[in-house]
Amino acid sequence: MSLVFAGVCTHGPGTTARADRADPGAREAFYAALSAMREALHASRPDALIIVAAEHFANFFMNNMPSFALGMSDSYDGPIEDPSWLRIPPRLVRGDAALSQAIIAEVQQTVDVAYCEEWRFDHGIMVPLHFLDPENVLTVIPANINCQGPPLAPLHRAWAFGEALRRAADARPERVALIGTGGISHWPATPDSGRINEAWDREFLARWTANDRAALTAYSDEEVYAEAGQGGFEIRTYVAAAAAARGKGRVLYAEPIPIFATTAVAAIMEVA
């Protein structure tokens, strides 16, 4: 078939772990946007969902840190964090090893990618699944971009990864959806945690909704670190999603929620 849905959302653990401490109006508006995103995702009737997330040293560390990785298992479990802290119950997520293998083989035509038969999901995947697949019915293929341990793959390589995922999806008879999760500006696990650069975030989202490849890949890591913190490196997942979708984006919600430590984002993109 081809790619049938694309979107992005933030995955901050505070979205669930600190939900009771958020401004109720902002929290419920964000949750409503995620609900709308969920309805659009399921309306596309995907046979599989690729979730492009960021590494948090949950499955990889500096002794073995691939720039890009894909899961290749028939099942995955999560969250790797304490469920009572994250406030997300443990679940066994269905995968599809054969479909993953086919996608990996096609991606490898242009992008070197690691593959993993064992993968435990952390908040980067579990928070989005909690809202976008609460009934645990989707078949999931996890994808990972190193956004944590420099040297990081340049943004144009994240774009190439997204293009490769789109090509792989288009080569399959299954209906494939894709979601990028992460960012945008945030400073996790630092004294600046909770700081948000709203102006930078809105400029980035303007580039993303326009699907402006040149503008999206123009950022340097030095600029991102200075303006958006080390958490800002996770824009790679949004860049990959834009490259895969090829269309224009629509923001359902994008407002700073400091207790979530980032601008809370839910957005979808036309698959062109």
Protein backbone atom coordinates (compact mmCIF):
# COMPACT_ATOMS: atom_id res chain seq x y z
CA MET A 1 0.00 0.00 0.00
CA SER A 2 1.91 3.04 1.29
CA LEU A 3 2.14 5.45 4.16
CA VAL A 4 -1.40 6.33 5.26
CA PHE A 5 -0.84 8.64 8.25
CA ALA A 6 1.89 10.84 9.70
CA GLY A 7 2.14 13.03 12.75
CA VAL A 8 4.27 14.13 15.69
CA CYS A 9 3.76 14.61 19.41
CA THR A 10 5.78 15.31 22.52
CA HIS A 11 6.52 12.44 24.88
CA GLY A 12 7.62 14.09 28.12
CA PRO A 13 7.11 11.73 31.06
CA GLY A 14 5.45 14.55 32.98
CA THR A 15 2.51 14.26 30.56
CA THR A 16 1.33 11.36 32.69
CA ALA A 17 3.59 11.35 35.77
CA ARG A 18 2.86 14.96 36.73
CA ALA A 19 -0.55 15.37 35.11
CA ASP A 20 -2.20 16.32 38.40
CA ARG A 21 0.19 19.26 38.78
CA ALA A 22 -0.53 20.80 35.37
CA ASP A 23 -2.91 23.67 34.73
CA PRO A 24 -6.22 21.81 34.22
CA GLY A 25 -7.27 23.87 31.20
CA ALA A 26 -3.97 23.39 29.38
CA ARG A 27 -3.79 19.73 30.29
CA GLU A 28 -7.28 18.93 29.07
CA ALA A 29 -6.80 20.92 25.86
CA PHE A 30 -3.64 18.93 25.15
CA TYR A 31 -5.34 15.65 25.96
CA ALA A 32 -8.20 16.60 23.63
CA ALA A 33 -5.73 17.25 20.81
CA LEU A 34 -4.13 13.85 21.42
CA SER A 35 -7.60 12.32 21.31
CA ALA A 36 -8.25 13.96 17.94
CA MET A 37 -4.90 12.68 16.73
CA ARG A 38 -5.80 9.20 17.95
CA GLU A 39 -9.08 9.28 16.02
CA ALA A 40 -7.33 10.37 12.83
CA LEU A 41 -4.66 7.68 13.26
CA HIS A 42 -7.16 4.88 13.73
CA ALA A 43 -9.37 6.20 10.93
CA SER A 44 -6.46 5.61 8.56
CA ARG A 45 -6.78 1.86 9.37
CA PRO A 46 -3.06 1.16 9.71
CA ASP A 47 -1.77 -2.39 9.66
CA ALA A 48 1.36 -1.17 11.45
CA LEU A 49 2.58 1.97 13.18
CA ILE A 50 6.21 3.06 13.02
CA ILE A 51 7.06 5.20 16.06
CA VAL A 52 10.22 7.25 15.56
CA ALA A 53 11.47 8.06 19.04
CA ALA A 54 14.64 9.31 20.71
CA GLU A 55 17.13 7.37 22.79
CA HIS A 56 17.23 8.09 26.54
CA PHE A 57 19.96 5.56 27.45
CA ALA A 58 17.22 3.00 28.08
CA ASN A 59 18.32 0.42 25.49
CA PHE A 60 21.57 1.87 24.16
CA PHE A 61 24.51 3.50 25.85
CA MET A 62 27.79 5.08 24.76
CA ASN A 63 29.46 1.68 24.39
CA ASN A 64 27.04 0.97 21.52
CA MET A 65 25.04 3.95 20.26
CA PRO A 66 23.59 3.56 16.75
CA SER A 67 22.50 6.68 14.93
CA PHE A 68 19.38 4.87 13.71
CA ALA A 69 17.75 1.65 14.86
CA LEU A 70 14.61 -0.34 14.13
CA GLY A 71 12.92 -3.05 16.18
CA MET A 72 12.55 -6.51 14.66
CA SER A 73 10.43 -8.50 17.09
CA ASP A 74 6.94 -9.92 17.33
CA SER A 75 6.43 -8.23 20.69
CA TYR A 76 7.80 -5.50 22.93
CA ASP A 77 7.13 -4.55 26.53
CA GLY A 78 7.13 -1.35 28.53
CA PRO A 79 7.40 0.95 30.26
CA ILE A 80 11.00 0.43 31.31
CA GLU A 81 10.42 3.09 34.00
CA ASP A 82 8.54 2.39 37.23
CA PRO A 83 4.90 2.22 36.08
CA SER A 84 3.71 3.71 39.38
CA TRP A 85 5.86 6.78 38.71
CA LEU A 86 5.07 7.12 35.00
CA ARG A 87 1.41 6.25 35.72
CA ILE A 88 1.24 4.01 32.68
CA PRO A 89 0.41 0.33 33.28
CA PRO A 90 2.78 -2.28 31.84
CA ARG A 91 1.74 -3.73 28.52
CA LEU A 92 2.92 -6.20 25.93
CA VAL A 93 2.87 -4.46 22.56
CA ARG A 94 2.39 -6.48 19.40
CA GLY A 95 5.14 -6.27 16.78
CA ASP A 96 5.68 -7.91 13.41
CA ALA A 97 9.17 -9.31 12.95
CA ALA A 98 8.66 -10.21 9.28
CA LEU A 99 7.35 -6.76 8.34
CA SER A 100 10.13 -5.12 10.34
CA GLN A 101 12.73 -7.20 8.53
CA ALA A 102 11.34 -6.16 5.16
CA ILE A 103 11.33 -2.48 6.14
CA ILE A 104 14.87 -2.73 7.51
CA ALA A 105 16.09 -4.34 4.30
CA GLU A 106 14.66 -1.49 2.23
CA VAL A 107 15.90 1.24 4.57
CA GLN A 108 19.40 -0.22 4.33
CA GLN A 109 19.49 0.57 0.63
CA THR A 110 20.29 4.17 1.56
CA VAL A 111 20.65 4.44 5.37
CA ASP A 112 22.75 2.29 7.69
CA VAL A 113 20.42 1.16 10.46
CA ALA A 114 20.84 -1.10 13.49
CA TYR A 115 18.14 -3.63 14.25
CA CYS A 116 17.08 -5.13 17.53
CA GLU A 117 15.17 -8.30 18.36
CA GLU A 118 14.93 -7.15 21.98
CA TRP A 119 13.65 -3.69 22.84
CA ARG A 120 12.01 -2.35 25.98
CA PHE A 121 9.92 0.76 25.50
CA ASP A 122 10.55 3.81 27.68
CA HIS A 123 8.43 6.94 27.99
CA GLY A 124 9.47 8.05 24.50
CA ILE A 125 7.16 5.40 23.07
CA MET A 126 4.91 4.51 25.99
CA VAL A 127 3.54 8.03 26.58
CA PRO A 128 2.40 8.38 22.95
CA LEU A 129 0.96 4.84 22.95
CA HIS A 130 -0.89 5.57 26.19
CA PHE A 131 -2.85 8.31 24.43
CA LEU A 132 -2.87 7.14 20.81
CA ASP A 133 -3.49 3.43 21.37
CA PRO A 134 -5.10 3.08 24.80
CA GLU A 135 -6.68 -0.26 23.88
CA ASN A 136 -3.30 -1.70 22.81
CA VAL A 137 -4.59 -2.87 19.43
CA LEU A 138 -1.92 -1.54 17.06
CA THR A 139 1.03 -3.43 15.66
CA VAL A 140 4.08 -1.28 16.41
CA ILE A 141 7.50 -1.04 14.79
CA PRO A 142 9.82 1.04 16.99
CA ALA A 143 12.39 3.26 15.35
CA ASN A 144 15.10 5.11 17.22
CA ILE A 145 17.29 8.11 16.47
CA ASN A 146 20.26 8.91 18.70
CA CYS A 147 19.42 12.35 20.08
CA GLN A 148 21.37 11.92 23.30
CA GLY A 149 25.04 11.04 22.81
CA PRO A 150 27.15 13.23 20.50
CA PRO A 151 28.36 13.05 17.84
CA LEU A 152 24.80 13.05 16.53
CA ALA A 153 23.84 12.28 12.95
CA PRO A 154 23.33 15.59 11.10
CA LEU A 155 19.78 16.71 10.46
CA HIS A 156 20.02 15.95 6.75
CA ARG A 157 20.66 12.32 7.73
CA ALA A 158 17.51 12.32 9.88
CA TRP A 159 15.72 13.57 6.77
CA ALA A 160 17.25 10.74 4.74
CA PHE A 161 16.08 8.26 7.39
CA GLY A 162 12.53 9.56 7.03
CA GLU A 163 12.75 9.29 3.25
CA ALA A 164 13.96 5.70 3.58
CA LEU A 165 11.09 4.82 5.91
CA ARG A 166 8.62 6.28 3.40
CA ARG A 167 10.17 4.31 0.55
CA ALA A 168 10.02 1.15 2.64
CA ALA A 169 6.37 1.77 3.53
CA ASP A 170 5.46 2.43 -0.09
CA ALA A 171 7.03 -0.88 -1.10
CA ARG A 172 4.75 -2.88 1.18
CA PRO A 173 1.13 -4.06 0.70
CA GLU A 174 0.35 -3.15 4.33
CA ARG A 175 -1.06 0.21 5.39
CA VAL A 176 1.67 1.91 7.42
CA ALA A 177 1.37 4.91 9.76
CA LEU A 178 4.27 6.89 11.22
CA ILE A 179 4.59 9.13 14.26
CA GLY A 180 7.64 11.07 15.41
CA THR A 181 7.87 11.77 19.14
CA GLY A 182 10.08 14.09 21.16
CA GLY A 183 11.15 17.68 21.82
CA ILE A 184 10.79 20.43 21.27
CA SER A 185 12.88 22.78 23.47
CA HIS A 186 13.57 21.29 26.88
CA TRP A 187 16.38 20.83 29.36
CA PRO A 188 15.69 17.46 31.05
CA ALA A 189 17.69 16.36 34.09
CA THR A 190 19.36 19.77 34.45
CA PRO A 191 18.82 22.76 36.76
CA ASP A 192 16.96 24.33 33.82
CA SER A 193 14.36 21.55 33.70
CA GLY A 194 10.98 23.17 33.06
CA ARG A 195 12.48 25.97 30.98
CA ILE A 196 10.78 26.38 27.59
CA ASN A 197 11.83 28.56 24.65
CA GLU A 198 8.38 29.22 23.23
CA ALA A 199 9.56 31.54 20.44
CA TRP A 200 12.08 28.96 19.20
CA ASP A 201 9.45 26.22 19.36
CA ARG A 202 6.95 28.21 17.31
CA GLU A 203 9.55 29.02 14.67
CA PHE A 204 10.49 25.35 14.43
CA LEU A 205 6.84 24.31 14.10
CA ALA A 206 6.35 26.90 11.35
CA ARG A 207 9.19 25.26 9.43
CA TRP A 208 7.73 21.83 10.17
CA THR A 209 4.17 22.62 9.07
CA ALA A 210 5.56 24.12 5.85
CA ASN A 211 7.64 20.94 5.39
CA ASP A 212 10.54 23.20 4.50
CA ARG A 213 13.43 20.78 4.11
CA ALA A 214 16.09 23.46 3.79
CA ALA A 215 14.90 25.30 6.90
CA LEU A 216 14.38 22.14 8.96
CA THR A 217 17.87 20.86 8.24
CA ALA A 218 19.60 24.24 8.59
CA TYR A 219 19.96 24.15 12.38
CA SER A 220 23.38 23.42 13.81
CA ASP A 221 23.70 21.35 16.98
CA GLU A 222 25.39 24.34 18.62
CA GLU A 223 22.39 26.54 17.89
CA VAL A 224 19.91 23.92 19.05
CA TYR A 225 21.82 23.34 22.29
CA ALA A 226 21.97 27.08 23.03
CA GLU A 227 18.34 27.84 22.17
CA ALA A 228 16.50 24.59 22.87
CA GLY A 229 18.67 22.63 25.29
CA GLN A 230 19.97 19.11 24.90
CA GLY A 231 16.36 17.95 24.65
CA GLY A 232 16.05 20.02 21.49
CA PHE A 233 18.18 17.47 19.67
CA GLU A 234 14.99 15.41 19.48
CA ILE A 235 13.79 17.58 16.58
CA ARG A 236 15.38 14.81 14.52
CA THR A 237 12.24 12.74 15.01
CA TYR A 238 10.08 15.57 13.65
CA VAL A 239 12.43 16.04 10.70
CA ALA A 240 12.20 12.34 9.87
CA ALA A 241 8.40 12.45 10.04
CA ALA A 242 8.27 15.44 7.70
CA ALA A 243 10.55 13.72 5.21
CA ALA A 244 8.35 10.63 5.27
CA ALA A 245 5.06 12.50 4.90
CA ARG A 246 6.12 15.04 2.23
CA GLY A 247 2.99 17.16 2.79
CA LYS A 248 2.00 20.14 4.88
CA GLY A 249 1.44 19.92 8.62
CA ARG A 250 -1.39 21.04 10.88
CA VAL A 251 -0.85 21.76 14.56
CA LEU A 252 -3.65 20.51 16.78
CA TYR A 253 -2.07 21.87 19.95
CA ALA A 254 1.19 23.59 20.81
CA GLU A 255 1.42 25.42 24.12
CA PRO A 256 4.03 25.50 26.87
CA ILE A 257 3.14 23.37 29.89
CA PRO A 258 6.07 23.89 32.27
CA ILE A 259 5.27 20.96 34.56
CA PHE A 260 5.53 18.76 31.45
CA ALA A 261 8.94 20.46 30.87
CA THR A 262 8.26 21.33 27.24
CA THR A 263 5.84 22.84 24.77
CA ALA A 264 3.16 20.16 24.54
CA VAL A 265 2.63 19.33 20.86
CA ALA A 266 0.19 17.26 18.86
CA ALA A 267 0.30 17.71 15.10
CA ILE A 268 -0.52 15.78 11.96
CA MET A 269 0.88 16.02 8.45
CA GLU A 270 -0.65 15.36 5.07
CA VAL A 271 0.78 12.29 3.37
CA ALA A 272 1.60 13.51 -0.12
